[in-house]
Protein backbone atom coordinates (compact mmCIF):
# COMPACT_ATOMS: atom_id res chain seq x y z
CA MET A 1 -8.17 16.22 -214.56
CA ASN A 2 -9.94 17.56 -211.46
CA ILE A 3 -13.12 19.59 -211.02
CA ALA A 4 -11.19 22.87 -211.26
CA ASP A 5 -9.78 21.85 -214.65
CA LYS A 6 -13.21 20.76 -215.86
CA GLU A 7 -14.79 24.06 -214.89
CA PHE A 8 -12.00 26.11 -216.44
CA TYR A 9 -11.99 24.27 -219.75
CA ALA A 10 -15.81 24.35 -219.88
CA LEU A 11 -15.65 28.14 -219.52
CA ALA A 12 -12.89 28.45 -222.13
CA ASN A 13 -14.66 26.17 -224.61
CA GLU A 14 -17.93 28.08 -224.22
CA ILE A 15 -16.18 31.37 -224.95
CA LYS A 16 -14.31 29.94 -227.96
CA LYS A 17 -17.61 29.10 -229.67
CA LEU A 18 -18.93 32.64 -229.42
CA SER A 19 -18.37 35.74 -231.51
CA GLU A 20 -17.13 38.90 -229.80
CA LYS A 21 -20.64 40.35 -230.07
CA GLU A 22 -22.18 37.26 -228.43
CA ILE A 23 -19.63 37.40 -225.63
CA TYR A 24 -20.46 41.07 -225.10
CA TYR A 25 -24.19 40.38 -224.75
CA ARG A 26 -23.62 37.49 -222.36
CA ILE A 27 -21.41 39.62 -220.10
CA ARG A 28 -23.89 42.46 -220.26
CA LYS A 29 -26.80 40.16 -219.40
CA SER A 30 -24.86 38.85 -216.40
CA PHE A 31 -24.11 42.41 -215.32
CA GLU A 32 -27.78 43.39 -215.56
CA LEU A 33 -28.73 40.55 -213.17
CA VAL A 34 -26.52 42.08 -210.47
CA PRO A 35 -28.35 44.24 -207.89
CA ALA A 36 -28.59 47.90 -208.92
CA SER A 37 -26.53 49.14 -205.98
CA THR A 38 -23.70 46.74 -206.84
CA ARG A 39 -23.83 47.71 -210.51
CA LYS A 40 -23.44 51.34 -209.52
CA SER A 41 -20.52 50.52 -207.21
CA CYS A 42 -18.81 48.65 -210.04
CA ALA A 43 -19.37 51.51 -212.48
CA ASP A 44 -18.06 54.06 -209.98
CA PHE A 45 -14.96 51.92 -209.43
CA PHE A 46 -14.24 51.43 -213.15
CA ASN A 47 -14.75 55.12 -213.90
CA ARG A 48 -12.63 56.24 -210.95
CA PHE A 49 -9.48 54.47 -212.13
CA GLY A 50 -10.00 54.12 -215.87
CA TYR A 51 -7.91 50.98 -216.34
CA TRP A 52 -10.66 48.76 -217.74
CA GLY A 53 -12.93 51.17 -219.63
CA LYS A 54 -15.89 53.36 -218.74
CA LEU A 55 -19.28 52.11 -217.62
CA ASP A 56 -22.36 54.32 -217.28
CA GLU A 57 -25.77 52.67 -217.67
CA GLU A 58 -27.70 55.94 -217.72
CA LYS A 59 -25.65 57.21 -220.66
CA GLY A 60 -25.54 53.83 -222.42
CA ILE A 61 -21.76 53.55 -222.05
CA TYR A 62 -20.55 49.95 -221.75
CA GLU A 63 -16.91 50.30 -222.78
CA GLN A 64 -15.74 48.15 -219.85
CA ILE A 65 -17.88 45.23 -221.06
CA GLU A 66 -16.86 45.81 -224.69
CA LEU A 67 -13.18 45.60 -223.76
CA LYS A 68 -13.73 42.43 -221.71
CA ALA A 69 -15.52 40.83 -224.67
CA LYS A 70 -12.65 41.83 -226.96
CA ALA A 71 -10.09 40.37 -224.54
CA PHE A 72 -11.94 37.07 -224.39
CA SER A 73 -12.53 36.90 -228.15
CA GLU A 74 -8.91 37.61 -229.07
CA HIS A 75 -7.04 35.95 -226.20
CA ILE A 76 -8.95 33.03 -224.73
CA ASP A 77 -6.22 30.69 -226.04
CA ASP A 78 -3.63 32.83 -224.28
CA PHE A 79 -5.55 32.54 -221.01
CA VAL A 80 -5.64 28.76 -221.50
CA THR A 81 -1.87 28.73 -222.04
CA VAL A 82 -1.34 30.65 -218.79
CA TYR A 83 -3.67 28.27 -216.95
CA GLU A 84 -1.58 25.33 -218.12
CA THR A 85 1.67 26.92 -216.94
CA LEU A 86 0.44 27.72 -213.42
CA CYS A 87 2.06 25.45 -210.87
CA ASP A 88 -0.51 24.85 -208.15
CA TYR A 89 -4.23 24.33 -207.65
CA ARG A 90 -4.71 27.67 -205.89
CA SER A 91 -3.24 29.54 -208.85
CA LYS A 92 -5.41 27.77 -211.39
CA ARG A 93 -8.48 28.26 -209.28
CA THR A 94 -7.60 31.94 -208.94
CA LEU A 95 -7.35 32.41 -212.70
CA PHE A 96 -10.67 30.65 -213.20
CA SER A 97 -12.37 32.79 -210.57
CA VAL A 98 -11.08 36.01 -212.15
CA LEU A 99 -12.21 35.05 -215.66
CA ASN A 100 -15.51 33.70 -214.36
CA ASN A 101 -16.07 37.05 -212.64
CA TRP A 102 -15.28 38.92 -215.84
CA TYR A 103 -17.65 36.75 -217.90
CA ARG A 104 -20.51 35.95 -215.50
CA TYR A 105 -20.16 38.60 -212.79
CA ASP A 106 -19.89 35.67 -210.40
CA PHE A 107 -18.82 36.65 -206.89
CA ASN A 108 -18.85 33.20 -205.29
CA THR A 109 -15.71 31.83 -206.91
CA THR A 110 -13.77 35.03 -206.23
CA SER A 111 -14.89 34.90 -202.58
CA ARG A 112 -13.48 31.39 -202.28
CA THR A 113 -10.12 32.19 -203.88
CA LYS A 114 -9.37 35.53 -202.22
CA GLU A 115 -6.15 35.31 -200.20
CA TYR A 116 -6.66 35.89 -196.48
CA LEU A 117 -3.68 34.16 -194.89
CA TYR A 118 -0.72 36.08 -196.36
CA ASP A 119 0.03 39.74 -197.02
CA ASP A 120 0.08 41.08 -200.57
CA TYR A 121 3.05 39.65 -202.52
CA PHE A 122 4.48 37.59 -199.66
CA ASP A 123 3.04 34.11 -199.81
CA LEU A 124 5.38 32.49 -197.32
CA ASP A 125 4.86 29.06 -198.87
CA LEU A 126 6.40 30.36 -202.09
CA VAL A 127 8.55 33.44 -201.51
CA LYS A 128 11.64 32.49 -199.51
CA CYS A 129 14.07 35.27 -198.58
CA SER A 130 17.49 35.54 -196.97
CA ASP A 131 19.85 38.19 -195.61
CA GLU A 132 21.43 38.41 -199.09
CA GLU A 133 18.32 39.81 -200.76
CA VAL A 134 18.64 42.84 -202.99
CA PHE A 135 15.00 43.86 -203.16
CA VAL A 136 13.71 46.38 -205.71
CA ASP A 137 10.30 47.88 -204.93
CA LEU A 138 8.76 49.47 -208.03
CA GLY A 139 5.86 51.64 -206.96
CA ALA A 140 7.06 51.85 -203.37
CA TYR A 141 4.32 54.36 -202.50
CA THR A 142 4.60 55.21 -198.77
CA GLY A 143 6.68 52.15 -197.93
CA ASP A 144 3.82 49.74 -197.24
CA THR A 145 5.35 46.85 -199.18
CA VAL A 146 8.77 47.27 -197.58
CA LEU A 147 7.17 47.37 -194.13
CA SER A 148 5.25 44.22 -195.00
CA TYR A 149 8.48 42.57 -196.15
CA ILE A 150 10.18 43.46 -192.86
CA LYS A 151 7.19 42.25 -190.86
CA ASN A 152 7.21 38.91 -192.68
CA TYR A 153 10.95 38.27 -192.94
CA GLY A 154 12.62 40.51 -190.36
CA GLU A 155 14.87 43.58 -190.36
CA ASP A 156 17.93 41.41 -190.87
CA CYS A 157 16.56 39.58 -193.94
CA TYR A 158 17.94 41.76 -196.72
CA LYS A 159 21.22 43.19 -197.96
CA LYS A 160 19.77 46.25 -199.69
CA ILE A 161 16.41 47.67 -200.75
CA TYR A 162 15.79 50.08 -203.64
CA CYS A 163 12.54 52.06 -203.50
CA TYR A 164 11.22 53.74 -206.66
CA GLU A 165 8.36 56.23 -206.50
CA ILE A 166 7.20 58.90 -208.99
CA THR A 167 5.12 61.26 -206.84
CA PRO A 168 7.23 63.86 -204.97
CA SER A 169 4.81 64.33 -202.05
CA VAL A 170 4.46 60.56 -201.59
CA PHE A 171 8.24 60.18 -201.95
CA GLU A 172 8.79 62.32 -198.86
CA LYS A 173 6.39 60.16 -196.86
CA LEU A 174 8.17 57.06 -198.13
CA LYS A 175 11.54 58.28 -196.88
CA LYS A 176 10.08 59.29 -193.53
CA ASN A 177 8.28 55.98 -192.98
CA LEU A 178 11.40 53.94 -193.71
CA SER A 179 13.99 56.29 -192.19
CA LYS A 180 14.88 54.01 -189.27
CA TYR A 181 15.78 51.04 -191.45
CA LYS A 182 19.25 50.39 -192.82
CA ASN A 183 20.50 50.08 -196.40
CA ILE A 184 17.46 51.49 -198.18
CA GLU A 185 18.01 53.66 -201.23
CA PHE A 186 15.24 55.98 -202.40
CA ARG A 187 14.92 56.98 -206.05
CA LEU A 188 12.42 59.55 -207.31
CA LYS A 189 12.14 58.01 -210.77
CA GLY A 190 9.84 55.99 -212.94
CA ILE A 191 10.92 52.62 -214.28
CA GLY A 192 10.15 51.67 -217.86
CA ASP A 193 11.70 50.46 -221.11
CA GLY A 194 14.05 53.36 -221.81
CA GLU A 195 15.75 56.53 -220.60
CA LYS A 196 13.43 59.49 -221.11
CA GLU A 197 11.72 62.42 -219.48
CA MET A 198 8.00 61.79 -219.19
CA SER A 199 5.26 63.06 -216.95
CA PHE A 200 2.73 61.64 -214.57
CA THR A 201 -0.94 62.22 -214.23
CA PRO A 202 -2.21 62.43 -210.64
CA ASN A 203 -5.26 60.33 -209.83
CA THR A 204 -7.81 62.47 -208.00
CA PHE A 205 -8.93 59.59 -205.80
CA SER A 206 -5.62 58.05 -204.72
CA ALA A 207 -1.97 58.98 -205.18
CA SER A 208 -1.21 55.25 -205.32
CA ALA A 209 -2.86 55.27 -208.77
CA ASN A 210 -0.76 58.08 -210.28
CA THR A 211 0.37 56.98 -213.71
CA VAL A 212 3.33 57.69 -216.01
CA SER A 213 2.23 59.13 -219.34
CA GLU A 214 3.37 61.09 -222.37
CA ASN A 215 1.26 64.15 -221.64
CA GLY A 216 0.66 64.35 -217.90
CA THR A 217 0.86 67.45 -215.80
CA GLU A 218 4.14 66.92 -213.90
CA LYS A 219 7.55 65.91 -215.26
CA ILE A 220 9.31 62.76 -214.09
CA ASN A 221 12.52 61.04 -215.16
CA VAL A 222 12.05 57.46 -216.35
CA THR A 223 14.86 54.93 -216.55
CA THR A 224 15.36 51.16 -216.78
CA LEU A 225 16.42 48.76 -214.07
CA ASP A 226 19.18 47.46 -216.32
CA SER A 227 20.76 50.91 -216.54
CA ASP A 228 19.94 52.18 -213.04
CA ILE A 229 21.13 49.25 -210.90
CA THR A 230 24.44 47.54 -211.60
CA GLU A 231 24.53 45.01 -208.76
CA ARG A 232 22.77 41.66 -208.76
CA ILE A 233 19.03 41.85 -207.98
CA THR A 234 17.29 38.97 -206.19
CA LEU A 235 13.71 40.23 -205.81
CA ILE A 236 11.53 42.65 -207.82
CA LYS A 237 8.06 43.76 -206.82
CA ALA A 238 6.17 45.88 -209.35
CA ASP A 239 2.86 47.64 -208.89
CA ILE A 240 3.21 50.59 -211.25
CA GLU A 241 -0.28 51.16 -212.62
CA GLY A 242 -0.01 49.47 -216.01
CA TYR A 243 3.69 50.14 -216.65
CA GLU A 244 4.73 46.63 -215.59
CA GLN A 245 5.29 45.36 -219.14
CA LYS A 246 7.66 48.22 -219.88
CA ALA A 247 9.51 47.55 -216.63
CA ILE A 248 10.11 43.96 -217.74
CA ILE A 249 11.50 45.14 -221.08
CA GLY A 250 13.88 47.46 -219.22
CA ALA A 251 14.96 44.72 -216.82
CA LYS A 252 15.67 41.94 -219.35
CA LYS A 253 19.34 41.69 -218.45
CA HIS A 254 18.68 41.44 -214.72
CA ILE A 255 15.93 38.86 -215.28
CA ARG A 256 18.09 36.83 -217.66
CA ASP A 257 21.35 37.01 -215.68
CA ASP A 258 20.19 37.30 -212.05
CA ARG A 259 16.92 35.35 -212.17
CA PRO A 260 15.31 37.41 -209.39
CA LYS A 261 12.05 36.41 -207.77
CA LEU A 262 9.32 38.44 -209.48
CA LEU A 263 6.17 39.72 -207.78
CA PHE A 264 4.21 41.57 -210.47
CA SER A 265 0.76 43.12 -210.38
CA VAL A 266 -1.27 41.84 -213.34
CA TYR A 267 -4.62 43.61 -212.98
CA HIS A 268 -4.23 47.12 -214.44
CA ASN A 269 -5.67 46.13 -217.82
CA ASN A 270 -7.18 43.11 -219.58
CA GLU A 271 -3.96 41.64 -221.00
CA ASP A 272 -1.35 41.57 -218.22
CA LEU A 273 -2.78 38.29 -216.86
CA TRP A 274 -1.62 36.42 -219.94
CA LYS A 275 1.01 38.71 -221.46
CA ILE A 276 3.34 39.25 -218.49
CA PRO A 277 3.91 35.50 -217.90
CA ARG A 278 4.67 35.16 -221.62
CA MET A 279 7.15 38.05 -221.54
CA ILE A 280 8.98 36.56 -218.55
CA HIS A 281 9.01 33.11 -220.16
CA GLU A 282 10.53 34.55 -223.33
CA ILE A 283 13.44 35.92 -221.28
CA ARG A 284 13.94 32.81 -219.14
CA LYS A 285 12.08 29.54 -219.55
CA ASP A 286 12.88 28.15 -216.08
CA TYR A 287 10.52 30.35 -214.04
CA LYS A 288 7.59 28.74 -212.27
CA PHE A 289 4.37 30.77 -212.14
CA PHE A 290 1.81 31.20 -209.38
CA LEU A 291 -1.19 33.52 -209.05
CA ARG A 292 -2.75 35.08 -205.94
CA TYR A 293 -5.32 37.81 -205.43
CA LYS A 294 -6.35 39.93 -202.46
CA SER A 295 -9.19 42.40 -202.98
CA SER A 296 -12.97 42.66 -203.15
CA PRO A 297 -14.67 39.60 -204.68
CA ILE A 298 -17.00 41.96 -206.57
CA TYR A 299 -14.23 42.81 -209.03
CA PRO A 300 -10.88 41.16 -208.33
CA THR A 301 -7.85 43.44 -208.31
CA GLU A 302 -4.58 43.20 -206.37
CA ILE A 303 -3.77 40.15 -208.50
CA THR A 304 -0.12 39.16 -208.18
CA LEU A 305 1.88 36.95 -210.51
CA ILE A 306 4.63 35.24 -208.50
CA ALA A 307 7.48 33.98 -210.70
CA ILE A 308 10.16 31.98 -208.89
C-alpha cells in the first residue's frame, strides 16, 4: 500500500462512519470555507448545467450538496470497488482527487491530477490506434474530437469514422469542419437503449450541453449502436450529456463481440463514476480501466473512463 492508497481508504472509511446528514453538513461546512467569489462561481456553474443539482446560498438551496451526500452515503463501497479495479497510479489518484473535491472542496489534489500532457480522450500511453480503426464518436459536436484524433494519430490512422450529433445547427458545422476528410459518415441521431422518437432540450449556455429528453422542445430520432452499425467497431467515444449509460445498453452486442476501446465521459451526474465501469464489466470482464480528467480544479469535469 502506498500513500495514495492510504489517503483514499482514510477518506472512504471516514465517510462510511457517517450518516447521510452528517456527510451533508461536513460538505456544506467545507463549502462555506471557500472564498465567497469561488462559491458564487461554483453555484453559477451548477445552476447553468443542472447535472448535479441546484445551489443558491441566498435562497437556502443546497440540492447539489444534498445529492453529493446521498451519493457518498449510498455508494461509497461502489467507489471503493472502482478504485480497486483501476489499473494505474494516475487513475487511482484521479478518483481520490475527484471524491476529495466533492467531500472537502479541496482544490489542491485536483490541481495535481489534472491532465495537461494529452488531449481529451487520447492518452497516447494507453489508447493505441491503427489504420483499421472504425471509430464511433457519440456527441461529435462540431468535430473537435475527430480533429483531435487526426492530430494525434494522423489522417491515415482509421478505416471509417461515424459521427453522431443531435442538434441540427451543430450538425451542419460538424459536416463542414470535417468535409475534407475521407470515410466519415454523419448521422443526425441520438444514441440510446432503444429505437424511439424523443426530443432534445437546448442548453441556453452551450449547444454542447443539449440533452435528449422525453419532453424537450425539438424532435430527434434515437437509435442504438447495435441496430445502427453492422460492421465491427474498434473505438467508441461518448460524451452525450448523461445518456452514456443508455448508450452502453444499446451497444452491448458490439462491446461483447467486438471489444472496442471505450472512451466514456463519467461526470454528468454523481453515479457514472462507479456505475459505468460496472456496466462494462458486466458485459465483458476482460476490460482494464483507467481514469483521466481535464478541466478546472475547482470542480472537476471532463472526466474520462478509458476501458481497453
